[in-house]
PDB file of all heavy atoms in Angstrom:
ATOM      1  N   VAL A   1       2.199 -11.333  -3.545  1.00  0.00           N
ATOM      2  CA  VAL A   1       2.457 -10.251  -4.488  1.00  0.00           C
ATOM      3  C   VAL A   1       3.346 -10.811  -5.591  1.00  0.00           C
ATOM      4  O   VAL A   1       4.448 -11.296  -5.322  1.00  0.00           O
ATOM      5  CB  VAL A   1       3.143  -9.056  -3.809  1.00  0.00           C
ATOM      6  CG1 VAL A   1       3.394  -7.936  -4.815  1.00  0.00           C
ATOM      7  CG2 VAL A   1       2.312  -8.550  -2.644  1.00  0.00           C
ATOM      8  N   GLY A   2       2.857 -10.759  -6.837  1.00  0.00           N
ATOM      9  CA  GLY A   2       3.608 -11.324  -7.946  1.00  0.00           C
ATOM     10  C   GLY A   2       4.855 -10.537  -8.287  1.00  0.00           C
ATOM     11  O   GLY A   2       5.004  -9.355  -7.932  1.00  0.00           O
ATOM     12  N   SER A   3       5.751 -11.168  -8.989  1.00  0.00           N
ATOM     13  CA  SER A   3       7.036 -10.553  -9.336  1.00  0.00           C
ATOM     14  C   SER A   3       6.851  -9.314 -10.212  1.00  0.00           C
ATOM     15  O   SER A   3       5.876  -9.182 -10.954  1.00  0.00           O
ATOM     16  CB  SER A   3       7.917 -11.562 -10.067  1.00  0.00           C
ATOM     17  OG  SER A   3       8.264 -12.623  -9.200  1.00  0.00           O
ATOM     18  N   SER A   4       7.782  -8.393 -10.087  1.00  0.00           N
ATOM     19  CA  SER A   4       7.790  -7.130 -10.842  1.00  0.00           C
ATOM     20  C   SER A   4       6.580  -6.269 -10.521  1.00  0.00           C
ATOM     21  O   SER A   4       6.036  -5.590 -11.398  1.00  0.00           O
ATOM     22  CB  SER A   4       7.864  -7.398 -12.350  1.00  0.00           C
ATOM     23  OG  SER A   4       9.022  -8.135 -12.671  1.00  0.00           O
ATOM     24  N   PHE A   5       6.179  -6.265  -9.260  1.00  0.00           N
ATOM     25  CA  PHE A   5       5.037  -5.462  -8.806  1.00  0.00           C
ATOM     26  C   PHE A   5       5.563  -4.187  -8.149  1.00  0.00           C
ATOM     27  O   PHE A   5       6.603  -4.195  -7.495  1.00  0.00           O
ATOM     28  CB  PHE A   5       4.202  -6.250  -7.803  1.00  0.00           C
ATOM     29  CG  PHE A   5       2.851  -5.664  -7.534  1.00  0.00           C
ATOM     30  CD1 PHE A   5       1.739  -6.074  -8.251  1.00  0.00           C
ATOM     31  CD2 PHE A   5       2.679  -4.695  -6.556  1.00  0.00           C
ATOM     32  CE1 PHE A   5       0.489  -5.530  -8.017  1.00  0.00           C
ATOM     33  CE2 PHE A   5       1.440  -4.134  -6.306  1.00  0.00           C
ATOM     34  CZ  PHE A   5       0.345  -4.558  -7.038  1.00  0.00           C
ATOM     35  N   VAL A   6       4.794  -3.094  -8.317  1.00  0.00           N
ATOM     36  CA  VAL A   6       5.187  -1.806  -7.737  1.00  0.00           C
ATOM     37  C   VAL A   6       4.009  -1.194  -6.994  1.00  0.00           C
ATOM     38  O   VAL A   6       2.886  -1.166  -7.517  1.00  0.00           O
ATOM     39  CB  VAL A   6       5.652  -0.816  -8.827  1.00  0.00           C
ATOM     40  CG1 VAL A   6       5.978   0.538  -8.216  1.00  0.00           C
ATOM     41  CG2 VAL A   6       6.869  -1.361  -9.567  1.00  0.00           C
ATOM     42  N   HIS A   7       4.268  -0.739  -5.772  1.00  0.00           N
ATOM     43  CA  HIS A   7       3.307   0.137  -5.110  1.00  0.00           C
ATOM     44  C   HIS A   7       3.774   1.568  -5.341  1.00  0.00           C
ATOM     45  O   HIS A   7       4.824   1.977  -4.848  1.00  0.00           O
ATOM     46  CB  HIS A   7       3.235  -0.144  -3.604  1.00  0.00           C
ATOM     47  CG  HIS A   7       2.283   0.760  -2.892  1.00  0.00           C
ATOM     48  ND1 HIS A   7       2.676   1.614  -1.893  1.00  0.00           N
ATOM     49  CD2 HIS A   7       0.947   0.958  -3.051  1.00  0.00           C
ATOM     50  CE1 HIS A   7       1.628   2.290  -1.450  1.00  0.00           C
ATOM     51  NE2 HIS A   7       0.564   1.919  -2.148  1.00  0.00           N
ATOM     52  N   PHE A   8       2.994   2.331  -6.108  1.00  0.00           N
ATOM     53  CA  PHE A   8       3.358   3.709  -6.425  1.00  0.00           C
ATOM     54  C   PHE A   8       3.010   4.578  -5.224  1.00  0.00           C
ATOM     55  O   PHE A   8       1.850   4.884  -4.973  1.00  0.00           O
ATOM     56  CB  PHE A   8       2.623   4.163  -7.687  1.00  0.00           C
ATOM     57  CG  PHE A   8       2.973   3.350  -8.900  1.00  0.00           C
ATOM     58  CD1 PHE A   8       2.132   2.361  -9.362  1.00  0.00           C
ATOM     59  CD2 PHE A   8       4.169   3.574  -9.574  1.00  0.00           C
ATOM     60  CE1 PHE A   8       2.457   1.600 -10.478  1.00  0.00           C
ATOM     61  CE2 PHE A   8       4.507   2.818 -10.697  1.00  0.00           C
ATOM     62  CZ  PHE A   8       3.649   1.831 -11.152  1.00  0.00           C
ATOM     63  N   ASN A   9       4.038   4.976  -4.484  1.00  0.00           N
ATOM     64  CA  ASN A   9       3.826   5.617  -3.185  1.00  0.00           C
ATOM     65  C   ASN A   9       4.351   7.041  -3.112  1.00  0.00           C
ATOM     66  O   ASN A   9       4.456   7.612  -2.028  1.00  0.00           O
ATOM     67  CB  ASN A   9       4.483   4.778  -2.073  1.00  0.00           C
ATOM     68  CG  ASN A   9       6.001   4.763  -2.198  1.00  0.00           C
ATOM     69  OD1 ASN A   9       6.540   4.782  -3.300  1.00  0.00           O
ATOM     70  ND2 ASN A   9       6.691   4.721  -1.072  1.00  0.00           N
ATOM     71  N   TYR A  10       4.671   7.622  -4.261  1.00  0.00           N
ATOM     72  CA  TYR A  10       5.179   8.996  -4.280  1.00  0.00           C
ATOM     73  C   TYR A  10       4.444   9.745  -5.382  1.00  0.00           C
ATOM     74  O   TYR A  10       4.423   9.298  -6.531  1.00  0.00           O
ATOM     75  CB  TYR A  10       6.682   9.015  -4.528  1.00  0.00           C
ATOM     76  CG  TYR A  10       7.320  10.379  -4.347  1.00  0.00           C
ATOM     77  CD1 TYR A  10       7.468  10.924  -3.082  1.00  0.00           C
ATOM     78  CD2 TYR A  10       7.771  11.111  -5.441  1.00  0.00           C
ATOM     79  CE1 TYR A  10       8.052  12.177  -2.908  1.00  0.00           C
ATOM     80  CE2 TYR A  10       8.360  12.358  -5.277  1.00  0.00           C
ATOM     81  CZ  TYR A  10       8.499  12.881  -4.007  1.00  0.00           C
ATOM     82  OH  TYR A  10       9.078  14.113  -3.836  1.00  0.00           O
ATOM     83  N   THR A  11       3.833  10.866  -5.030  1.00  0.00           N
ATOM     84  CA  THR A  11       2.941  11.554  -5.958  1.00  0.00           C
ATOM     85  C   THR A  11       3.643  12.697  -6.693  1.00  0.00           C
ATOM     86  O   THR A  11       4.700  13.173  -6.249  1.00  0.00           O
ATOM     87  CB  THR A  11       1.723  12.133  -5.206  1.00  0.00           C
ATOM     88  OG1 THR A  11       2.132  13.308  -4.502  1.00  0.00           O
ATOM     89  CG2 THR A  11       1.148  11.119  -4.225  1.00  0.00           C
ATOM     90  N   PRO A  12       3.055  13.191  -7.790  1.00  0.00           N
ATOM     91  CA  PRO A  12       3.619  14.355  -8.478  1.00  0.00           C
ATOM     92  C   PRO A  12       3.661  15.598  -7.597  1.00  0.00           C
ATOM     93  O   PRO A  12       4.419  16.532  -7.875  1.00  0.00           O
ATOM     94  CB  PRO A  12       2.672  14.551  -9.663  1.00  0.00           C
ATOM     95  CG  PRO A  12       2.057  13.214  -9.899  1.00  0.00           C
ATOM     96  CD  PRO A  12       1.924  12.598  -8.544  1.00  0.00           C
ATOM     97  N   ASN A  13       2.824  15.615  -6.532  1.00  0.00           N
ATOM     98  CA  ASN A  13       2.848  16.736  -5.596  1.00  0.00           C
ATOM     99  C   ASN A  13       3.879  16.532  -4.484  1.00  0.00           C
ATOM    100  O   ASN A  13       3.891  17.256  -3.492  1.00  0.00           O
ATOM    101  CB  ASN A  13       1.461  16.951  -4.989  1.00  0.00           C
ATOM    102  CG  ASN A  13       0.485  17.481  -6.019  1.00  0.00           C
ATOM    103  OD1 ASN A  13       0.790  18.427  -6.751  1.00  0.00           O
ATOM    104  ND2 ASN A  13      -0.690  16.886  -6.106  1.00  0.00           N
ATOM    105  N   GLN A  14       4.708  15.498  -4.635  1.00  0.00           N
ATOM    106  CA  GLN A  14       5.868  15.258  -3.779  1.00  0.00           C
ATOM    107  C   GLN A  14       5.491  14.954  -2.333  1.00  0.00           C
ATOM    108  O   GLN A  14       6.073  15.498  -1.391  1.00  0.00           O
ATOM    109  CB  GLN A  14       6.833  16.455  -3.863  1.00  0.00           C
ATOM    110  CG  GLN A  14       7.297  16.732  -5.277  1.00  0.00           C
ATOM    111  CD  GLN A  14       8.243  17.910  -5.376  1.00  0.00           C
ATOM    112  OE1 GLN A  14       8.543  18.564  -4.384  1.00  0.00           O
ATOM    113  NE2 GLN A  14       8.738  18.180  -6.568  1.00  0.00           N
ATOM    114  N   ASP A  15       4.509  14.075  -2.178  1.00  0.00           N
ATOM    115  CA  ASP A  15       4.155  13.599  -0.840  1.00  0.00           C
ATOM    116  C   ASP A  15       4.016  12.085  -0.876  1.00  0.00           C
ATOM    117  O   ASP A  15       3.972  11.461  -1.939  1.00  0.00           O
ATOM    118  CB  ASP A  15       2.850  14.246  -0.356  1.00  0.00           C
ATOM    119  CG  ASP A  15       1.643  13.776  -1.148  1.00  0.00           C
ATOM    120  OD1 ASP A  15       1.130  12.682  -0.836  1.00  0.00           O
ATOM    121  OD2 ASP A  15       1.225  14.484  -2.081  1.00  0.00           O
ATOM    122  N   LYS A  16       3.976  11.507   0.319  1.00  0.00           N
ATOM    123  CA  LYS A  16       3.786  10.057   0.454  1.00  0.00           C
ATOM    124  C   LYS A  16       2.596   9.750   1.357  1.00  0.00           C
ATOM    125  O   LYS A  16       2.634   8.814   2.166  1.00  0.00           O
ATOM    126  CB  LYS A  16       5.050   9.402   1.013  1.00  0.00           C
ATOM    127  CG  LYS A  16       6.208   9.352   0.039  1.00  0.00           C
ATOM    128  CD  LYS A  16       7.362   8.538   0.611  1.00  0.00           C
ATOM    129  CE  LYS A  16       8.510   8.439  -0.383  1.00  0.00           C
ATOM    130  NZ  LYS A  16       9.637   7.613   0.158  1.00  0.00           N
ATOM    131  N   ALA A  17       1.537  10.539   1.212  1.00  0.00           N
ATOM    132  CA  ALA A  17       0.300  10.241   1.939  1.00  0.00           C
ATOM    133  C   ALA A  17      -0.451   9.166   1.169  1.00  0.00           C
ATOM    134  O   ALA A  17      -1.601   9.326   0.780  1.00  0.00           O
ATOM    135  CB  ALA A  17      -0.543  11.502   2.083  1.00  0.00           C
ATOM    136  N   THR A  18       0.235   8.030   0.970  1.00  0.00           N
ATOM    137  CA  THR A  18      -0.230   7.027   0.011  1.00  0.00           C
ATOM    138  C   THR A  18      -0.294   5.605   0.561  1.00  0.00           C
ATOM    139  O   THR A  18      -0.156   4.648  -0.192  1.00  0.00           O
ATOM    140  CB  THR A  18       0.705   7.027  -1.208  1.00  0.00           C
ATOM    141  OG1 THR A  18       2.063   6.886  -0.745  1.00  0.00           O
ATOM    142  CG2 THR A  18       0.576   8.306  -2.013  1.00  0.00           C
ATOM    143  N   PRO A  19      -0.471   5.387   1.866  1.00  0.00           N
ATOM    144  CA  PRO A  19      -0.418   4.007   2.370  1.00  0.00           C
ATOM    145  C   PRO A  19      -1.607   3.189   1.874  1.00  0.00           C
ATOM    146  O   PRO A  19      -2.744   3.639   1.898  1.00  0.00           O
ATOM    147  CB  PRO A  19      -0.467   4.192   3.890  1.00  0.00           C
ATOM    148  CG  PRO A  19      -1.229   5.462   4.079  1.00  0.00           C
ATOM    149  CD  PRO A  19      -0.803   6.346   2.939  1.00  0.00           C
ATOM    150  N   SER A  20      -1.334   1.987   1.431  1.00  0.00           N
ATOM    151  CA  SER A  20      -2.385   1.093   0.929  1.00  0.00           C
ATOM    152  C   SER A  20      -2.540  -0.108   1.849  1.00  0.00           C
ATOM    153  O   SER A  20      -1.572  -0.581   2.448  1.00  0.00           O
ATOM    154  CB  SER A  20      -2.054   0.619  -0.488  1.00  0.00           C
ATOM    155  OG  SER A  20      -2.110   1.700  -1.402  1.00  0.00           O
ATOM    156  N   MET A  21      -3.777  -0.585   1.954  1.00  0.00           N
ATOM    157  CA  MET A  21      -4.083  -1.733   2.823  1.00  0.00           C
ATOM    158  C   MET A  21      -4.709  -2.857   2.012  1.00  0.00           C
ATOM    159  O   MET A  21      -5.691  -2.652   1.305  1.00  0.00           O
ATOM    160  CB  MET A  21      -5.044  -1.342   3.950  1.00  0.00           C
ATOM    161  CG  MET A  21      -4.466  -0.374   4.950  1.00  0.00           C
ATOM    162  SD  MET A  21      -5.452  -0.258   6.483  1.00  0.00           S
ATOM    163  CE  MET A  21      -4.853  -1.709   7.357  1.00  0.00           C
ATOM    164  N   MET A  22      -4.123  -4.030   2.114  1.00  0.00           N
ATOM    165  CA  MET A  22      -4.690  -5.244   1.563  1.00  0.00           C
ATOM    166  C   MET A  22      -5.198  -6.089   2.724  1.00  0.00           C
ATOM    167  O   MET A  22      -4.409  -6.635   3.497  1.00  0.00           O
ATOM    168  CB  MET A  22      -3.635  -6.011   0.768  1.00  0.00           C
ATOM    169  CG  MET A  22      -3.436  -5.499  -0.663  1.00  0.00           C
ATOM    170  SD  MET A  22      -3.082  -3.728  -0.807  1.00  0.00           S
ATOM    171  CE  MET A  22      -1.411  -3.649  -0.162  1.00  0.00           C
ATOM    172  N   GLY A  23      -6.528  -6.162   2.852  1.00  0.00           N
ATOM    173  CA  GLY A  23      -7.109  -6.761   4.047  1.00  0.00           C
ATOM    174  C   GLY A  23      -7.257  -5.704   5.127  1.00  0.00           C
ATOM    175  O   GLY A  23      -7.220  -4.508   4.867  1.00  0.00           O
ATOM    176  N   ASN A  24      -7.397  -6.141   6.375  1.00  0.00           N
ATOM    177  CA  ASN A  24      -7.499  -5.206   7.500  1.00  0.00           C
ATOM    178  C   ASN A  24      -6.909  -5.839   8.739  1.00  0.00           C
ATOM    179  O   ASN A  24      -6.531  -7.018   8.735  1.00  0.00           O
ATOM    180  CB  ASN A  24      -8.959  -4.785   7.728  1.00  0.00           C
ATOM    181  CG  ASN A  24      -9.871  -5.963   8.031  1.00  0.00           C
ATOM    182  OD1 ASN A  24      -9.580  -6.785   8.902  1.00  0.00           O
ATOM    183  ND2 ASN A  24     -10.984  -6.068   7.309  1.00  0.00           N
ATOM    184  N   VAL A  25      -6.822  -5.059   9.797  1.00  0.00           N
ATOM    185  CA  VAL A  25      -6.197  -5.543  11.032  1.00  0.00           C
ATOM    186  C   VAL A  25      -7.156  -6.396  11.847  1.00  0.00           C
ATOM    187  O   VAL A  25      -6.798  -7.506  12.271  1.00  0.00           O
ATOM    188  CB  VAL A  25      -5.677  -4.353  11.875  1.00  0.00           C
ATOM    189  CG1 VAL A  25      -5.247  -4.828  13.266  1.00  0.00           C
ATOM    190  CG2 VAL A  25      -4.523  -3.666  11.167  1.00  0.00           C
ATOM    191  N   HIS A  26      -8.383  -5.906  12.076  1.00  0.00           N
ATOM    192  CA  HIS A  26      -9.247  -6.557  13.060  1.00  0.00           C
ATOM    193  C   HIS A  26      -9.651  -7.975  12.662  1.00  0.00           C
ATOM    194  O   HIS A  26      -9.912  -8.806  13.529  1.00  0.00           O
ATOM    195  CB  HIS A  26     -10.484  -5.694  13.355  1.00  0.00           C
ATOM    196  CG  HIS A  26     -11.391  -5.484  12.191  1.00  0.00           C
ATOM    197  ND1 HIS A  26     -11.215  -4.464  11.291  1.00  0.00           N
ATOM    198  CD2 HIS A  26     -12.497  -6.158  11.788  1.00  0.00           C
ATOM    199  CE1 HIS A  26     -12.175  -4.502  10.387  1.00  0.00           C
ATOM    200  NE2 HIS A  26     -12.953  -5.526  10.658  1.00  0.00           N
ATOM    201  N   GLN A  27      -9.706  -8.263  11.375  1.00  0.00           N
ATOM    202  CA  GLN A  27      -9.949  -9.639  10.934  1.00  0.00           C
ATOM    203  C   GLN A  27      -8.643 -10.360  10.627  1.00  0.00           C
ATOM    204  O   GLN A  27      -8.493 -11.557  10.886  1.00  0.00           O
ATOM    205  CB  GLN A  27     -10.831  -9.637   9.681  1.00  0.00           C
ATOM    206  CG  GLN A  27     -12.263  -9.172   9.918  1.00  0.00           C
ATOM    207  CD  GLN A  27     -13.034  -9.066   8.625  1.00  0.00           C
ATOM    208  OE1 GLN A  27     -12.646  -8.310   7.719  1.00  0.00           O
ATOM    209  NE2 GLN A  27     -14.120  -9.814   8.512  1.00  0.00           N
ATOM    210  N   GLY A  28      -7.676  -9.622  10.085  1.00  0.00           N
ATOM    211  CA  GLY A  28      -6.431 -10.241   9.655  1.00  0.00           C
ATOM    212  C   GLY A  28      -5.654 -10.907  10.763  1.00  0.00           C
ATOM    213  O   GLY A  28      -5.003 -11.938  10.542  1.00  0.00           O
ATOM    214  N   VAL A  29      -5.701 -10.348  11.974  1.00  0.00           N
ATOM    215  CA  VAL A  29      -4.923 -10.931  13.076  1.00  0.00           C
ATOM    216  C   VAL A  29      -5.395 -12.335  13.439  1.00  0.00           C
ATOM    217  O   VAL A  29      -4.643 -13.096  14.059  1.00  0.00           O
ATOM    218  CB  VAL A  29      -4.973 -10.035  14.335  1.00  0.00           C
ATOM    219  CG1 VAL A  29      -4.246  -8.733  14.110  1.00  0.00           C
ATOM    220  CG2 VAL A  29      -6.408  -9.803  14.794  1.00  0.00           C
ATOM    221  N   MET A  30      -6.612 -12.686  13.058  1.00  0.00           N
ATOM    222  CA  MET A  30      -7.143 -14.007  13.414  1.00  0.00           C
ATOM    223  C   MET A  30      -6.649 -15.116  12.481  1.00  0.00           C
ATOM    224  O   MET A  30      -6.939 -16.295  12.715  1.00  0.00           O
ATOM    225  CB  MET A  30      -8.678 -13.963  13.429  1.00  0.00           C
ATOM    226  CG  MET A  30      -9.231 -12.971  14.438  1.00  0.00           C
ATOM    227  SD  MET A  30      -8.589 -13.251  16.113  1.00  0.00           S
ATOM    228  CE  MET A  30      -9.200 -11.792  16.964  1.00  0.00           C
TER     229      MET A  30
END
């Protein structure tokens, strides 16, 4: 993740149902 990067995880509707995935678990663990 490059410098000065932001994951915008808070919405105008005031929730954090915003988790993001880069890759996945079932392949990533290998």
